[in-house]
Amino acid sequence: MFERFTENARRTISAAVEIAAETGATRAGPEHLLLGLAADERGTAASVLAGYGLTASALRAATPRPGGRRCLTDEETSALRGVGADADEVFRRIEQEFGSAALFDQPEPPVRSRPRDWLAGPLDAGARKVLELCLREAIALRHREISTGHLLLALLRHDLPGPVSTAVRRAGVTYGDARRRVVHALRQPR
């Protein structure tokens, strides 16, 4: 399947792995793929995201940093406020009761060594699922190659994790509208 990816799509996936490593994640996830898409200004996905006002820096700010305190989405924080709770106080009490490491993300356990293909490498299960879905997106559109646009559509179909999902939703990005924009962009001569 790797041979079907365009050069930009391959660069995006490599960038996602680098971004994950920079942020301390043990594997690249869907949020890192989205950051890679936004960072590649030559890609279809970056231009579509820019049309919604989503830049690499805005998405990076919305991406939780592994090894730090687990983030709550805006909806979760609102739900806590709705019942009269303060998120900072909740965190303080959990740390007081269970220790300061209780709210820190734990790294994924190491995968047993076995022969791997390119997709099984430094990507988590969510990112691997996105790569499967981008092949389906390309097939559905009757495209021979898998571009960054197909990666974006697969990410939107898969659902992004918490805070990144909130940022994308706030920008008004929907699968249907993004699909229309990607198809239009892919029809344009380069």
N, C-alpha and C. Protein backbone atom coordinates (compact mmCIF):
# COMPACT_ATOMS: atom_id res chain seq x y z
N MET A 1 0.82 -1.19 0.00
CA MET A 1 0.00 0.00 0.00
C MET A 1 0.87 1.26 0.00
N PHE A 2 2.05 1.22 0.60
CA PHE A 2 2.91 2.40 0.74
C PHE A 2 3.20 3.04 -0.61
N GLU A 3 3.32 2.24 -1.65
CA GLU A 3 3.66 2.78 -2.96
C GLU A 3 2.54 3.67 -3.53
N ARG A 4 1.34 3.57 -3.00
CA ARG A 4 0.22 4.39 -3.48
C ARG A 4 0.22 5.80 -2.89
N PHE A 5 0.99 6.02 -1.84
CA PHE A 5 1.04 7.33 -1.20
C PHE A 5 1.85 8.30 -2.06
N THR A 6 1.35 9.51 -2.20
CA THR A 6 2.11 10.54 -2.91
C THR A 6 3.32 10.93 -2.05
N GLU A 7 4.23 11.63 -2.65
CA GLU A 7 5.42 12.08 -1.92
C GLU A 7 5.03 12.96 -0.74
N ASN A 8 4.07 13.87 -0.95
CA ASN A 8 3.61 14.73 0.15
C ASN A 8 3.00 13.90 1.28
N ALA A 9 2.22 12.89 0.94
CA ALA A 9 1.59 12.05 1.97
C ALA A 9 2.66 11.29 2.76
N ARG A 10 3.68 10.81 2.08
CA ARG A 10 4.77 10.11 2.76
C ARG A 10 5.51 11.06 3.71
N ARG A 11 5.77 12.27 3.22
CA ARG A 11 6.43 13.28 4.07
C ARG A 11 5.59 13.60 5.29
N THR A 12 4.29 13.67 5.10
CA THR A 12 3.37 13.97 6.21
C THR A 12 3.45 12.89 7.28
N ILE A 13 3.47 11.64 6.87
CA ILE A 13 3.53 10.54 7.83
C ILE A 13 4.87 10.55 8.56
N SER A 14 5.94 10.80 7.84
CA SER A 14 7.25 10.92 8.49
C SER A 14 7.28 12.09 9.45
N ALA A 15 6.68 13.20 9.04
CA ALA A 15 6.62 14.38 9.92
C ALA A 15 5.81 14.07 11.17
N ALA A 16 4.74 13.30 11.04
CA ALA A 16 3.92 12.93 12.20
C ALA A 16 4.74 12.14 13.21
N VAL A 17 5.57 11.24 12.71
CA VAL A 17 6.42 10.44 13.60
C VAL A 17 7.43 11.36 14.31
N GLU A 18 8.00 12.32 13.57
CA GLU A 18 8.93 13.27 14.18
C GLU A 18 8.24 14.16 15.21
N ILE A 19 7.05 14.63 14.89
CA ILE A 19 6.29 15.48 15.82
C ILE A 19 5.98 14.71 17.09
N ALA A 20 5.59 13.46 16.94
CA ALA A 20 5.30 12.64 18.12
C ALA A 20 6.54 12.51 19.00
N ALA A 21 7.68 12.25 18.37
CA ALA A 21 8.93 12.11 19.13
C ALA A 21 9.29 13.43 19.83
N GLU A 22 9.10 14.55 19.14
CA GLU A 22 9.40 15.86 19.73
C GLU A 22 8.54 16.14 20.97
N THR A 23 7.30 15.67 20.94
CA THR A 23 6.39 15.93 22.05
C THR A 23 6.48 14.87 23.14
N GLY A 24 7.33 13.87 22.93
CA GLY A 24 7.52 12.84 23.94
C GLY A 24 6.59 11.65 23.83
N ALA A 25 5.79 11.59 22.78
CA ALA A 25 4.89 10.44 22.60
C ALA A 25 5.69 9.22 22.16
N THR A 26 5.26 8.05 22.60
CA THR A 26 5.97 6.83 22.22
C THR A 26 5.63 6.40 20.80
N ARG A 27 4.46 6.79 20.33
CA ARG A 27 4.03 6.48 18.96
C ARG A 27 3.23 7.65 18.41
N ALA A 28 3.24 7.78 17.10
CA ALA A 28 2.45 8.83 16.45
C ALA A 28 1.00 8.40 16.39
N GLY A 29 0.12 9.31 16.75
CA GLY A 29 -1.32 9.05 16.72
C GLY A 29 -2.00 9.94 15.69
N PRO A 30 -3.32 9.84 15.61
CA PRO A 30 -4.06 10.67 14.65
C PRO A 30 -3.80 12.16 14.81
N GLU A 31 -3.65 12.64 16.05
CA GLU A 31 -3.39 14.06 16.24
C GLU A 31 -2.06 14.48 15.64
N HIS A 32 -1.07 13.58 15.65
CA HIS A 32 0.23 13.90 15.05
C HIS A 32 0.13 13.90 13.52
N LEU A 33 -0.71 13.01 12.98
CA LEU A 33 -0.94 13.02 11.53
C LEU A 33 -1.57 14.35 11.12
N LEU A 34 -2.53 14.84 11.91
CA LEU A 34 -3.17 16.11 11.60
C LEU A 34 -2.14 17.25 11.64
N LEU A 35 -1.27 17.23 12.64
CA LEU A 35 -0.22 18.26 12.71
C LEU A 35 0.71 18.18 11.51
N GLY A 36 1.04 16.97 11.10
CA GLY A 36 1.88 16.79 9.91
C GLY A 36 1.20 17.32 8.65
N LEU A 37 -0.10 17.09 8.55
CA LEU A 37 -0.86 17.59 7.39
C LEU A 37 -0.84 19.12 7.35
N ALA A 38 -1.10 19.73 8.50
CA ALA A 38 -1.15 21.20 8.56
C ALA A 38 0.21 21.82 8.30
N ALA A 39 1.27 21.13 8.69
CA ALA A 39 2.62 21.67 8.54
C ALA A 39 3.13 21.62 7.10
N ASP A 40 2.61 20.70 6.29
CA ASP A 40 3.07 20.56 4.91
C ASP A 40 2.29 21.52 4.01
N GLU A 41 2.79 22.72 3.85
CA GLU A 41 2.08 23.76 3.12
C GLU A 41 1.88 23.44 1.64
N ARG A 42 2.60 22.45 1.13
CA ARG A 42 2.45 22.07 -0.27
C ARG A 42 1.30 21.10 -0.49
N GLY A 43 0.78 20.53 0.59
CA GLY A 43 -0.24 19.50 0.47
C GLY A 43 -1.66 20.04 0.34
N THR A 44 -2.49 19.22 -0.26
CA THR A 44 -3.91 19.53 -0.41
C THR A 44 -4.56 19.75 0.95
N ALA A 45 -4.26 18.89 1.89
CA ALA A 45 -4.89 18.97 3.21
C ALA A 45 -4.55 20.28 3.91
N ALA A 46 -3.32 20.73 3.79
CA ALA A 46 -2.93 21.99 4.44
C ALA A 46 -3.72 23.15 3.87
N SER A 47 -3.94 23.17 2.56
CA SER A 47 -4.71 24.26 1.98
C SER A 47 -6.17 24.18 2.38
N VAL A 48 -6.71 22.97 2.50
CA VAL A 48 -8.09 22.81 2.95
C VAL A 48 -8.20 23.26 4.41
N LEU A 49 -7.27 22.83 5.25
CA LEU A 49 -7.29 23.24 6.66
C LEU A 49 -7.14 24.75 6.80
N ALA A 50 -6.27 25.34 5.98
CA ALA A 50 -6.07 26.80 6.02
C ALA A 50 -7.37 27.52 5.65
N GLY A 51 -8.16 26.91 4.77
CA GLY A 51 -9.45 27.49 4.40
C GLY A 51 -10.40 27.59 5.59
N TYR A 52 -10.18 26.76 6.58
CA TYR A 52 -10.97 26.81 7.81
C TYR A 52 -10.29 27.65 8.89
N GLY A 53 -9.12 28.18 8.57
CA GLY A 53 -8.36 28.96 9.55
C GLY A 53 -7.54 28.10 10.50
N LEU A 54 -7.37 26.83 10.16
CA LEU A 54 -6.57 25.94 11.01
C LEU A 54 -5.14 25.88 10.50
N THR A 55 -4.23 26.38 11.31
CA THR A 55 -2.81 26.37 10.96
C THR A 55 -2.10 25.33 11.82
N ALA A 56 -0.88 25.05 11.45
CA ALA A 56 -0.08 24.09 12.22
C ALA A 56 0.09 24.58 13.66
N SER A 57 0.34 25.88 13.83
CA SER A 57 0.56 26.39 15.19
C SER A 57 -0.71 26.33 16.03
N ALA A 58 -1.86 26.61 15.44
CA ALA A 58 -3.12 26.53 16.18
C ALA A 58 -3.41 25.09 16.60
N LEU A 59 -3.16 24.15 15.71
CA LEU A 59 -3.40 22.75 16.03
C LEU A 59 -2.39 22.23 17.05
N ARG A 60 -1.16 22.69 16.94
CA ARG A 60 -0.14 22.27 17.91
C ARG A 60 -0.52 22.73 19.32
N ALA A 61 -1.07 23.92 19.42
CA ALA A 61 -1.49 24.44 20.73
C ALA A 61 -2.62 23.60 21.32
N ALA A 62 -3.43 22.99 20.47
CA ALA A 62 -4.56 22.18 20.94
C ALA A 62 -4.18 20.73 21.22
N THR A 63 -2.95 20.35 20.88
CA THR A 63 -2.52 18.96 21.04
C THR A 63 -1.97 18.73 22.44
N PRO A 64 -2.53 17.75 23.17
CA PRO A 64 -2.00 17.47 24.51
C PRO A 64 -0.59 16.93 24.42
N ARG A 65 0.21 17.25 25.40
CA ARG A 65 1.59 16.78 25.45
C ARG A 65 1.66 15.54 26.32
N PRO A 66 2.12 14.41 25.76
CA PRO A 66 2.25 13.21 26.56
C PRO A 66 3.23 13.42 27.71
N GLY A 67 3.02 12.67 28.74
CA GLY A 67 3.90 12.77 29.89
C GLY A 67 3.47 13.89 30.82
N GLY A 68 2.50 14.65 30.42
CA GLY A 68 1.99 15.73 31.25
C GLY A 68 0.64 15.36 31.82
N ARG A 69 0.06 16.28 32.53
CA ARG A 69 -1.25 16.05 33.11
C ARG A 69 -2.25 15.78 32.00
N ARG A 70 -3.09 14.81 32.20
CA ARG A 70 -4.08 14.50 31.19
C ARG A 70 -4.99 15.69 30.99
N CYS A 71 -5.28 15.97 29.75
CA CYS A 71 -6.09 17.13 29.43
C CYS A 71 -7.57 16.78 29.42
N LEU A 72 -8.37 17.73 29.80
CA LEU A 72 -9.80 17.60 29.68
C LEU A 72 -10.23 18.43 28.48
N THR A 73 -11.21 17.94 27.77
CA THR A 73 -11.76 18.73 26.68
C THR A 73 -12.58 19.86 27.28
N ASP A 74 -12.92 20.82 26.44
CA ASP A 74 -13.76 21.92 26.91
C ASP A 74 -15.11 21.40 27.41
N GLU A 75 -15.63 20.38 26.71
CA GLU A 75 -16.91 19.81 27.12
C GLU A 75 -16.82 19.16 28.49
N GLU A 76 -15.71 18.47 28.76
CA GLU A 76 -15.53 17.82 30.06
C GLU A 76 -15.39 18.86 31.17
N THR A 77 -14.65 19.92 30.89
CA THR A 77 -14.50 21.00 31.88
C THR A 77 -15.85 21.67 32.13
N SER A 78 -16.63 21.89 31.07
CA SER A 78 -17.97 22.47 31.22
C SER A 78 -18.87 21.57 32.04
N ALA A 79 -18.77 20.26 31.80
CA ALA A 79 -19.59 19.31 32.56
C ALA A 79 -19.24 19.37 34.04
N LEU A 80 -17.95 19.48 34.35
CA LEU A 80 -17.54 19.61 35.75
C LEU A 80 -18.10 20.90 36.35
N ARG A 81 -17.98 22.00 35.60
CA ARG A 81 -18.52 23.28 36.10
C ARG A 81 -20.03 23.20 36.29
N GLY A 82 -20.69 22.46 35.38
CA GLY A 82 -22.14 22.33 35.44
C GLY A 82 -22.62 21.67 36.73
N VAL A 83 -21.78 20.84 37.33
CA VAL A 83 -22.15 20.21 38.60
C VAL A 83 -21.45 20.88 39.77
N GLY A 84 -20.90 22.07 39.51
CA GLY A 84 -20.29 22.85 40.58
C GLY A 84 -18.88 22.44 40.95
N ALA A 85 -18.18 21.73 40.07
CA ALA A 85 -16.80 21.30 40.37
C ALA A 85 -15.80 22.15 39.60
N ASP A 86 -14.64 22.33 40.18
CA ASP A 86 -13.55 23.07 39.56
C ASP A 86 -12.49 22.04 39.12
N ALA A 87 -12.13 22.03 37.83
CA ALA A 87 -11.20 21.03 37.31
C ALA A 87 -9.87 21.06 38.06
N ASP A 88 -9.35 22.24 38.35
CA ASP A 88 -8.07 22.32 39.07
C ASP A 88 -8.18 21.70 40.46
N GLU A 89 -9.30 21.92 41.10
CA GLU A 89 -9.51 21.32 42.42
C GLU A 89 -9.62 19.80 42.33
N VAL A 90 -10.29 19.32 41.28
CA VAL A 90 -10.39 17.87 41.06
C VAL A 90 -9.00 17.29 40.88
N PHE A 91 -8.17 17.92 40.03
CA PHE A 91 -6.80 17.45 39.83
C PHE A 91 -6.01 17.46 41.15
N ARG A 92 -6.15 18.55 41.91
CA ARG A 92 -5.41 18.66 43.17
C ARG A 92 -5.80 17.53 44.12
N ARG A 93 -7.08 17.25 44.23
CA ARG A 93 -7.52 16.19 45.14
C ARG A 93 -7.09 14.79 44.68
N ILE A 94 -7.13 14.56 43.39
CA ILE A 94 -6.67 13.26 42.88
C ILE A 94 -5.19 13.09 43.18
N GLU A 95 -4.38 14.14 42.92
CA GLU A 95 -2.96 14.06 43.21
C GLU A 95 -2.70 13.88 44.70
N GLN A 96 -3.50 14.55 45.53
CA GLN A 96 -3.36 14.43 46.97
C GLN A 96 -3.66 13.00 47.42
N GLU A 97 -4.71 12.40 46.87
CA GLU A 97 -5.14 11.06 47.27
C GLU A 97 -4.28 9.95 46.68
N PHE A 98 -3.91 10.09 45.41
CA PHE A 98 -3.26 8.99 44.70
C PHE A 98 -1.81 9.26 44.31
N GLY A 99 -1.30 10.44 44.63
CA GLY A 99 0.09 10.76 44.29
C GLY A 99 0.18 11.65 43.07
N SER A 100 1.32 12.32 42.94
CA SER A 100 1.48 13.30 41.88
C SER A 100 1.53 12.68 40.48
N ALA A 101 1.85 11.39 40.38
CA ALA A 101 1.93 10.75 39.06
C ALA A 101 0.58 10.22 38.59
N ALA A 102 -0.46 10.32 39.41
CA ALA A 102 -1.76 9.72 39.07
C ALA A 102 -2.38 10.33 37.81
N LEU A 103 -2.10 11.59 37.54
CA LEU A 103 -2.71 12.26 36.40
C LEU A 103 -1.80 12.33 35.19
N PHE A 104 -0.72 11.62 35.22
CA PHE A 104 0.19 11.67 34.10
C PHE A 104 -0.03 10.48 33.19
N ASP A 105 0.00 10.76 31.88
CA ASP A 105 -0.17 9.69 30.91
C ASP A 105 0.96 8.68 31.05
N GLN A 106 0.61 7.44 30.96
CA GLN A 106 1.59 6.37 31.00
C GLN A 106 1.96 5.99 29.57
N PRO A 107 3.23 5.75 29.29
CA PRO A 107 3.60 5.36 27.93
C PRO A 107 3.00 3.99 27.59
N GLU A 108 2.73 3.81 26.29
CA GLU A 108 2.22 2.52 25.86
C GLU A 108 3.28 1.46 26.12
N PRO A 109 2.84 0.25 26.48
CA PRO A 109 3.82 -0.80 26.69
C PRO A 109 4.55 -1.11 25.39
N PRO A 110 5.82 -1.51 25.49
CA PRO A 110 6.55 -1.80 24.26
C PRO A 110 5.92 -2.98 23.52
N VAL A 111 5.95 -2.89 22.22
CA VAL A 111 5.41 -3.96 21.39
C VAL A 111 6.47 -5.03 21.24
N ARG A 112 6.04 -6.28 21.36
CA ARG A 112 7.00 -7.38 21.19
C ARG A 112 7.62 -7.30 19.81
N SER A 113 8.91 -7.59 19.74
CA SER A 113 9.56 -7.50 18.44
C SER A 113 9.07 -8.64 17.56
N ARG A 114 8.74 -8.25 16.34
CA ARG A 114 8.30 -9.19 15.33
C ARG A 114 8.52 -8.50 14.00
N PRO A 115 8.56 -9.26 12.94
CA PRO A 115 8.72 -8.59 11.65
C PRO A 115 7.55 -7.63 11.43
N ARG A 116 7.85 -6.40 11.03
CA ARG A 116 6.82 -5.40 10.86
C ARG A 116 6.86 -4.83 9.46
N ASP A 117 5.71 -4.42 9.01
CA ASP A 117 5.71 -3.66 7.78
C ASP A 117 5.78 -2.18 8.15
N TRP A 118 5.81 -1.34 7.17
CA TRP A 118 5.98 0.08 7.40
C TRP A 118 4.88 0.65 8.31
N LEU A 119 3.65 0.18 8.14
CA LEU A 119 2.54 0.73 8.91
C LEU A 119 2.58 0.34 10.38
N ALA A 120 3.22 -0.76 10.72
CA ALA A 120 3.21 -1.22 12.11
C ALA A 120 4.28 -0.54 12.94
N GLY A 121 5.17 0.20 12.32
CA GLY A 121 6.28 0.83 13.01
C GLY A 121 5.89 1.76 14.13
N PRO A 122 6.24 3.02 14.02
CA PRO A 122 6.06 3.97 15.13
C PRO A 122 4.68 4.62 15.17
N LEU A 123 3.65 3.96 14.65
CA LEU A 123 2.30 4.51 14.66
C LEU A 123 1.43 3.75 15.65
N ASP A 124 0.56 4.47 16.36
CA ASP A 124 -0.35 3.78 17.26
C ASP A 124 -1.52 3.20 16.47
N ALA A 125 -2.38 2.47 17.15
CA ALA A 125 -3.49 1.79 16.49
C ALA A 125 -4.41 2.78 15.77
N GLY A 126 -4.63 3.94 16.37
CA GLY A 126 -5.49 4.95 15.74
C GLY A 126 -4.90 5.46 14.44
N ALA A 127 -3.61 5.71 14.41
CA ALA A 127 -2.95 6.20 13.20
C ALA A 127 -2.95 5.12 12.11
N ARG A 128 -2.74 3.88 12.51
CA ARG A 128 -2.79 2.78 11.52
C ARG A 128 -4.19 2.66 10.93
N LYS A 129 -5.21 2.85 11.75
CA LYS A 129 -6.59 2.80 11.25
C LYS A 129 -6.83 3.94 10.27
N VAL A 130 -6.29 5.11 10.55
CA VAL A 130 -6.44 6.25 9.63
C VAL A 130 -5.80 5.91 8.29
N LEU A 131 -4.65 5.25 8.30
CA LEU A 131 -4.01 4.90 7.03
C LEU A 131 -4.83 3.88 6.25
N GLU A 132 -5.49 2.98 6.94
CA GLU A 132 -6.41 2.05 6.27
C GLU A 132 -7.57 2.82 5.64
N LEU A 133 -8.12 3.77 6.41
CA LEU A 133 -9.26 4.53 5.93
C LEU A 133 -8.90 5.43 4.75
N CYS A 134 -7.66 5.93 4.71
CA CYS A 134 -7.31 6.81 3.60
C CYS A 134 -7.25 6.02 2.30
N LEU A 135 -6.90 4.75 2.36
CA LEU A 135 -6.96 3.90 1.16
C LEU A 135 -8.42 3.78 0.71
N ARG A 136 -9.32 3.59 1.65
CA ARG A 136 -10.75 3.51 1.31
C ARG A 136 -11.25 4.81 0.71
N GLU A 137 -10.77 5.94 1.25
CA GLU A 137 -11.17 7.24 0.70
C GLU A 137 -10.71 7.37 -0.75
N ALA A 138 -9.49 6.98 -1.03
CA ALA A 138 -8.96 7.07 -2.40
C ALA A 138 -9.75 6.16 -3.34
N ILE A 139 -10.05 4.95 -2.89
CA ILE A 139 -10.82 4.01 -3.71
C ILE A 139 -12.22 4.56 -3.97
N ALA A 140 -12.86 5.11 -2.94
CA ALA A 140 -14.21 5.65 -3.09
C ALA A 140 -14.25 6.79 -4.11
N LEU A 141 -13.17 7.56 -4.17
CA LEU A 141 -13.10 8.68 -5.11
C LEU A 141 -12.49 8.25 -6.46
N ARG A 142 -12.18 6.97 -6.57
CA ARG A 142 -11.58 6.39 -7.79
C ARG A 142 -10.24 7.04 -8.13
N HIS A 143 -9.45 7.28 -7.08
CA HIS A 143 -8.11 7.84 -7.26
C HIS A 143 -7.08 6.73 -7.10
N ARG A 144 -6.07 6.77 -7.92
CA ARG A 144 -5.03 5.74 -7.85
C ARG A 144 -4.02 6.00 -6.74
N GLU A 145 -3.79 7.27 -6.46
CA GLU A 145 -2.82 7.64 -5.43
C GLU A 145 -3.53 8.10 -4.16
N ILE A 146 -2.80 8.00 -3.06
CA ILE A 146 -3.31 8.46 -1.77
C ILE A 146 -2.58 9.76 -1.44
N SER A 147 -3.33 10.84 -1.37
CA SER A 147 -2.74 12.16 -1.13
C SER A 147 -3.00 12.60 0.30
N THR A 148 -2.48 13.78 0.62
CA THR A 148 -2.74 14.35 1.94
C THR A 148 -4.23 14.64 2.12
N GLY A 149 -4.92 14.92 1.04
CA GLY A 149 -6.36 15.14 1.11
C GLY A 149 -7.09 13.90 1.59
N HIS A 150 -6.66 12.74 1.09
CA HIS A 150 -7.27 11.48 1.53
C HIS A 150 -6.96 11.22 3.01
N LEU A 151 -5.75 11.58 3.42
CA LEU A 151 -5.40 11.45 4.85
C LEU A 151 -6.30 12.32 5.71
N LEU A 152 -6.55 13.54 5.27
CA LEU A 152 -7.42 14.43 6.04
C LEU A 152 -8.83 13.84 6.16
N LEU A 153 -9.37 13.36 5.05
CA LEU A 153 -10.71 12.77 5.08
C LEU A 153 -10.75 11.55 6.01
N ALA A 154 -9.71 10.75 5.97
CA ALA A 154 -9.66 9.58 6.85
C ALA A 154 -9.61 10.00 8.32
N LEU A 155 -8.86 11.04 8.61
CA LEU A 155 -8.80 11.56 9.99
C LEU A 155 -10.17 12.03 10.45
N LEU A 156 -10.88 12.72 9.59
CA LEU A 156 -12.20 13.22 9.95
C LEU A 156 -13.20 12.08 10.10
N ARG A 157 -13.04 11.05 9.31
CA ARG A 157 -13.93 9.89 9.42
C ARG A 157 -13.63 9.10 10.68
N HIS A 158 -12.35 9.01 11.05
CA HIS A 158 -11.93 8.21 12.20
C HIS A 158 -12.29 8.88 13.52
N ASP A 159 -12.35 10.16 13.56
CA ASP A 159 -12.56 10.99 14.75
C ASP A 159 -11.23 11.24 15.43
N LEU A 160 -11.00 12.48 15.70
CA LEU A 160 -9.76 12.91 16.33
C LEU A 160 -9.93 12.89 17.84
N PRO A 161 -8.81 12.76 18.58
CA PRO A 161 -8.91 12.75 20.04
C PRO A 161 -9.26 14.12 20.61
N GLY A 162 -9.86 14.13 21.79
CA GLY A 162 -10.30 15.25 22.60
C GLY A 162 -10.02 16.67 22.17
N PRO A 163 -8.96 17.29 22.70
CA PRO A 163 -8.73 18.72 22.44
C PRO A 163 -8.55 19.07 20.97
N VAL A 164 -7.93 18.19 20.19
CA VAL A 164 -7.75 18.46 18.76
C VAL A 164 -9.11 18.42 18.07
N SER A 165 -9.94 17.49 18.46
CA SER A 165 -11.28 17.38 17.91
C SER A 165 -12.07 18.66 18.18
N THR A 166 -11.93 19.19 19.37
CA THR A 166 -12.61 20.44 19.73
C THR A 166 -12.16 21.58 18.83
N ALA A 167 -10.86 21.69 18.59
CA ALA A 167 -10.33 22.75 17.73
C ALA A 167 -10.85 22.62 16.30
N VAL A 168 -10.90 21.41 15.79
CA VAL A 168 -11.38 21.17 14.43
C VAL A 168 -12.87 21.48 14.34
N ARG A 169 -13.62 21.03 15.31
CA ARG A 169 -15.07 21.28 15.32
C ARG A 169 -15.37 22.79 15.43
N ARG A 170 -14.63 23.48 16.28
CA ARG A 170 -14.83 24.94 16.44
C ARG A 170 -14.56 25.69 15.14
N ALA A 171 -13.65 25.17 14.34
CA ALA A 171 -13.34 25.81 13.05
C ALA A 171 -14.41 25.52 12.01
N GLY A 172 -15.37 24.67 12.35
CA GLY A 172 -16.47 24.37 11.43
C GLY A 172 -16.17 23.27 10.43
N VAL A 173 -15.15 22.49 10.68
CA VAL A 173 -14.77 21.42 9.75
C VAL A 173 -15.73 20.25 9.92
N THR A 174 -16.36 19.86 8.83
CA THR A 174 -17.17 18.65 8.82
C THR A 174 -16.63 17.73 7.73
N TYR A 175 -16.90 16.46 7.87
CA TYR A 175 -16.43 15.51 6.87
C TYR A 175 -16.98 15.86 5.49
N GLY A 176 -18.28 16.11 5.40
CA GLY A 176 -18.91 16.39 4.10
C GLY A 176 -18.33 17.61 3.41
N ASP A 177 -18.18 18.69 4.15
CA ASP A 177 -17.65 19.91 3.56
C ASP A 177 -16.17 19.75 3.21
N ALA A 178 -15.41 19.10 4.08
CA ALA A 178 -13.99 18.88 3.80
C ALA A 178 -13.83 17.98 2.56
N ARG A 179 -14.69 16.99 2.44
CA ARG A 179 -14.63 16.09 1.27
C ARG A 179 -14.88 16.89 -0.01
N ARG A 180 -15.86 17.76 0.02
CA ARG A 180 -16.14 18.59 -1.14
C ARG A 180 -14.92 19.45 -1.49
N ARG A 181 -14.29 20.05 -0.49
CA ARG A 181 -13.12 20.90 -0.72
C ARG A 181 -11.92 20.09 -1.23
N VAL A 182 -11.72 18.90 -0.67
CA VAL A 182 -10.61 18.05 -1.12
C VAL A 182 -10.81 17.64 -2.57
N VAL A 183 -12.01 17.21 -2.93
CA VAL A 183 -12.29 16.79 -4.30
C VAL A 183 -12.05 17.96 -5.25
N HIS A 184 -12.51 19.14 -4.88
CA HIS A 184 -12.29 20.33 -5.71
C HIS A 184 -10.80 20.62 -5.86
N ALA A 185 -10.06 20.58 -4.76
CA ALA A 185 -8.62 20.86 -4.80
C ALA A 185 -7.86 19.83 -5.64
N LEU A 186 -8.25 18.57 -5.55
CA LEU A 186 -7.55 17.52 -6.31
C LEU A 186 -7.83 17.61 -7.81
N ARG A 187 -8.92 18.25 -8.19
CA ARG A 187 -9.24 18.42 -9.62
C ARG A 187 -8.48 19.57 -10.24
N GLN A 188 -7.95 20.46 -9.41
CA GLN A 188 -7.23 21.63 -9.91
C GLN A 188 -5.86 21.21 -10.46
N PRO A 189 -5.45 21.78 -11.58
CA PRO A 189 -4.10 21.47 -12.09
C PRO A 189 -3.05 22.02 -11.15
N ARG A 190 -1.97 21.30 -11.06
CA ARG A 190 -0.88 21.72 -10.15
C ARG A 190 0.18 22.45 -10.89
